[in-house]
Amino acid sequence: MNFEEYRGFDATGLAGLVARGEVTPRELFERAEARARELAETLNAVSVWDLDHAEAALEAGPPAGPFTGVPFLLKDLYAFLR
């Protein structure tokens, strides 16, 4: 999936693609990470790249929920990872 295709979906649409098996959570993550890196210097929006945690989560499989497999950035407003 290229970025133009990716940006055509909201989180619900991306979750639907995953649910139907049209893309994998890893494909979405890789697309999102690539775009975040493209904009990292300009936006300075990502202070920590915790790719080990992301890789472990991808290996474990996404938890069930309405946004299963949809990547997101975790804002550092006292939010904690498990």
Protein backbone atom coordinates (compact mmCIF):
# COMPACT_ATOMS: atom_id res chain seq x y z
CA MET A 1 0.00 0.00 0.00
CA ASN A 2 1.44 3.35 -0.96
CA PHE A 3 0.87 6.51 1.03
CA GLU A 4 -1.80 7.88 -1.30
CA GLU A 5 -3.87 4.73 -0.78
CA TYR A 6 -3.16 4.76 2.98
CA ARG A 7 -4.23 8.37 3.46
CA GLY A 8 -7.54 7.64 1.74
CA PHE A 9 -8.71 5.70 4.80
CA ASP A 10 -9.58 6.75 8.32
CA ALA A 11 -8.90 4.43 11.27
CA THR A 12 -12.21 2.62 10.79
CA GLY A 13 -11.45 2.04 7.12
CA LEU A 14 -7.97 0.73 7.91
CA ALA A 15 -9.43 -1.61 10.55
CA GLY A 16 -11.87 -2.89 7.93
CA LEU A 17 -9.01 -3.66 5.54
CA VAL A 18 -7.28 -5.66 8.27
CA ALA A 19 -10.49 -7.49 9.22
CA ARG A 20 -11.06 -8.49 5.60
CA GLY A 21 -7.46 -9.63 5.20
CA GLU A 22 -6.74 -7.05 2.49
CA VAL A 23 -3.70 -5.78 4.42
CA THR A 24 -1.81 -6.95 7.48
CA PRO A 25 -1.14 -4.95 10.63
CA ARG A 26 2.56 -5.12 9.70
CA GLU A 27 1.90 -3.54 6.29
CA LEU A 28 -0.02 -0.70 7.92
CA PHE A 29 2.67 -0.23 10.54
CA GLU A 30 5.43 -0.10 7.94
CA ARG A 31 3.50 2.47 5.88
CA ALA A 32 2.78 4.61 8.95
CA GLU A 33 6.36 4.39 10.20
CA ALA A 34 7.76 5.33 6.79
CA ARG A 35 5.55 8.41 6.62
CA ALA A 36 6.37 9.42 10.20
CA ARG A 37 10.07 9.17 9.39
CA GLU A 38 9.60 11.22 6.21
CA LEU A 39 8.10 14.02 8.29
CA ALA A 40 10.14 13.56 11.47
CA GLU A 41 12.60 16.37 10.92
CA THR A 42 9.97 18.81 9.70
CA LEU A 43 7.37 18.14 12.39
CA ASN A 44 9.59 16.98 15.26
CA ALA A 45 6.53 15.07 16.50
CA VAL A 46 8.18 11.80 17.58
CA SER A 47 10.58 12.03 20.50
CA VAL A 48 11.08 8.28 21.06
CA TRP A 49 11.04 5.55 18.42
CA ASP A 50 10.22 2.40 20.43
CA LEU A 51 10.50 -0.02 17.54
CA ASP A 52 11.37 -2.97 19.79
CA HIS A 53 8.00 -2.61 21.49
CA ALA A 54 6.27 -2.21 18.13
CA GLU A 55 7.96 -5.32 16.77
CA ALA A 56 6.99 -7.33 19.86
CA ALA A 57 3.38 -6.18 19.50
CA LEU A 58 3.34 -7.14 15.82
CA GLU A 59 4.77 -10.58 16.63
CA ALA A 60 2.22 -11.14 19.41
CA GLY A 61 -0.64 -10.15 17.14
CA PRO A 62 -3.01 -7.28 17.66
CA PRO A 63 -5.52 -7.37 20.50
CA ALA A 64 -9.16 -7.70 19.47
CA GLY A 65 -11.07 -4.46 19.26
CA PRO A 66 -12.64 -1.98 16.88
CA PHE A 67 -9.26 -0.75 15.62
CA THR A 68 -7.42 -4.07 15.49
CA GLY A 69 -4.20 -3.71 13.51
CA VAL A 70 -4.39 0.07 13.06
CA PRO A 71 -1.09 1.78 13.98
CA PHE A 72 -1.07 4.93 16.11
CA LEU A 73 1.39 7.19 17.86
CA LEU A 74 1.26 7.36 21.64
CA LYS A 75 1.42 10.94 22.90
CA ASP A 76 3.57 11.42 25.96
CA LEU A 77 0.84 12.86 28.16
CA TYR A 78 1.33 10.36 30.97
CA ALA A 79 0.10 7.48 28.85
CA PHE A 80 1.82 4.20 29.59
CA LEU A 81 2.53 1.11 27.55
CA ARG A 82 1.83 -2.33 28.95
